[in-house]
Structures are given as C-alpha cells and as structure tokens.
Amino acid sequence: MVFYFTSDVVSPPALIYMGLDKFENESLIKWGFPEDVWFHVDNYSSAHVYLRLQKGQTLDSIPLPLLQDCAQLVKSNSIVGNKKNNIDIIYTEWSNLKKTGDMEV
C-alpha cells in the first residue's frame, strides 16, 4: 500500500508519496512518472519518497519548505537515519533512476 501525503507549505498543496516496504519501492521505481522527484537518505536504508512536480515545475524551482518536508519524511522513515543528527538526503528526477540486474530488491 502506497502512502500518500499532501504538503500545504505551497499552494496548491504538493502530492508526496512513499512506499510501504522494499518491494513497493521497487514498483515505484518501475512505474514512476517523468514529473516525479525521488528522495532517499544517502548511505543508509530508507523509504523512497516521491514528490510529484506541478506542470512546468523543475527540480531547481522546488521551494525550500517543500524540499524540507520531503527530507523530513524520508529521514523519519529511515531506521538508522532518524537517529542521527546530521545526514544527507539525496534527490533526483525519477528518470535518472536505473536498476541493474545485480542490485538487490
């Protein structure tokens, strides 16, 4: 079951969604949309959080409060990351995600 959230730090509210487990994360990678932005805790296991961009919106035009909402959501859904004070959150357009055969599920 995919979890859906809305962030009202922007108007109109932004759609954010997240997979329940690693199998759902795999499906989200496979079936994402070009306007999705993927967030993950760098170097640690974490949820895959996606932000659906508005029409015409770019990666560079995402407002800082919305980036912070996505970062907090992905950090809070990382078993190790949520216990650390200083972690890096990485994000990229969905189209940049590539899964190869040697990667684990």
Protein backbone atom coordinates (compact mmCIF):
# COMPACT_ATOMS: atom_id res chain seq x y z
CA MET A 1 0.00 0.00 0.00
CA VAL A 2 1.49 3.31 -1.08
CA PHE A 3 1.20 6.14 1.44
CA TYR A 4 0.04 9.49 0.08
CA PHE A 5 0.67 12.84 1.73
CA THR A 6 0.00 16.45 0.87
CA SER A 7 2.28 19.30 1.81
CA ASP A 8 0.47 22.57 2.32
CA VAL A 9 3.64 24.67 2.59
CA VAL A 10 2.96 25.50 -1.07
CA SER A 11 -0.20 26.42 -2.93
CA PRO A 12 -1.68 24.36 -4.43
CA PRO A 13 -0.66 21.62 -1.96
CA ALA A 14 2.01 19.23 -3.26
CA LEU A 15 1.49 15.48 -3.66
CA ILE A 16 4.08 13.34 -1.89
CA TYR A 17 4.00 9.55 -1.78
CA MET A 18 6.08 6.79 -0.24
CA GLY A 19 6.34 3.01 -0.49
CA LEU A 20 5.48 0.74 2.44
CA ASP A 21 8.47 -1.59 2.01
CA LYS A 22 11.34 -2.50 -0.31
CA PHE A 23 9.03 -4.36 -2.70
CA GLU A 24 6.78 -1.35 -3.10
CA ASN A 25 9.85 0.83 -3.55
CA GLU A 26 10.79 -1.39 -6.48
CA SER A 27 7.36 -0.92 -8.05
CA LEU A 28 7.55 2.83 -7.58
CA ILE A 29 10.93 2.90 -9.34
CA LYS A 30 9.49 0.84 -12.19
CA TRP A 31 6.21 2.72 -12.60
CA GLY A 32 7.15 6.31 -11.75
CA PHE A 33 6.19 9.38 -13.76
CA PRO A 34 8.58 11.80 -15.50
CA GLU A 35 7.39 14.58 -13.19
CA ASP A 36 8.36 12.63 -10.04
CA VAL A 37 11.34 13.54 -7.87
CA TRP A 38 12.87 10.73 -5.78
CA PHE A 39 14.26 11.31 -2.25
CA HIS A 40 16.42 8.94 -0.19
CA VAL A 41 18.73 9.05 2.84
CA ASP A 42 22.28 8.85 1.48
CA ASN A 43 24.29 5.78 2.58
CA TYR A 44 21.50 4.34 4.75
CA SER A 45 18.40 2.29 4.19
CA SER A 46 15.31 4.48 3.99
CA ALA A 47 11.91 4.82 2.45
CA HIS A 48 11.67 6.02 -1.13
CA VAL A 49 9.79 9.30 -1.07
CA TYR A 50 8.48 10.88 -4.26
CA LEU A 51 7.33 14.41 -4.93
CA ARG A 52 5.03 14.92 -7.90
CA LEU A 53 6.02 18.19 -9.58
CA GLN A 54 3.39 20.59 -10.89
CA LYS A 55 3.16 21.09 -14.65
CA GLY A 56 6.09 23.27 -15.75
CA GLN A 57 7.89 22.96 -12.41
CA THR A 58 11.57 21.98 -12.44
CA LEU A 59 13.94 20.50 -9.89
CA ASP A 60 15.53 23.91 -9.40
CA SER A 61 12.21 25.62 -8.75
CA ILE A 62 11.08 23.43 -5.83
CA PRO A 63 10.53 25.77 -2.86
CA LEU A 64 12.84 25.16 0.11
CA PRO A 65 9.97 24.47 2.58
CA LEU A 66 8.70 21.72 0.26
CA LEU A 67 12.19 20.20 -0.02
CA GLN A 68 12.38 20.26 3.78
CA ASP A 69 9.02 18.46 4.08
CA CYS A 70 10.24 15.69 1.76
CA ALA A 71 13.59 15.46 3.56
CA GLN A 72 11.92 15.18 6.98
CA LEU A 73 9.58 12.47 5.70
CA VAL A 74 12.38 10.37 4.23
CA LYS A 75 14.59 10.85 7.32
CA SER A 76 11.79 9.84 9.69
CA ASN A 77 11.35 6.64 7.67
CA SER A 78 14.97 5.54 7.93
CA ILE A 79 15.76 3.18 10.80
CA VAL A 80 19.33 4.46 11.16
CA GLY A 81 18.94 7.91 9.65
CA ASN A 82 16.20 9.02 12.03
CA LYS A 83 18.55 8.51 15.00
CA LYS A 84 21.32 10.70 13.57
CA ASN A 85 21.64 14.46 13.90
CA ASN A 86 23.37 15.07 10.60
CA ILE A 87 22.57 13.07 7.46
CA ASP A 88 22.50 13.80 3.76
CA ILE A 89 19.32 13.49 1.74
CA ILE A 90 19.75 12.90 -1.97
CA TYR A 91 17.15 13.64 -4.60
CA THR A 92 16.89 13.40 -8.35
CA GLU A 93 14.35 13.18 -11.12
CA TRP A 94 12.69 9.78 -11.43
CA SER A 95 14.06 9.44 -14.98
CA ASN A 96 17.61 9.27 -13.53
CA LEU A 97 16.87 6.11 -11.53
CA LYS A 98 18.35 3.00 -13.10
CA LYS A 99 18.00 -0.50 -11.72
CA THR A 100 20.50 -3.12 -12.89
CA GLY A 101 20.24 -6.89 -12.59
CA ASP A 102 22.92 -7.12 -9.92
CA MET A 103 21.05 -4.88 -7.46
CA GLU A 104 19.14 -6.48 -4.61
CA VAL A 105 15.44 -5.93 -4.08
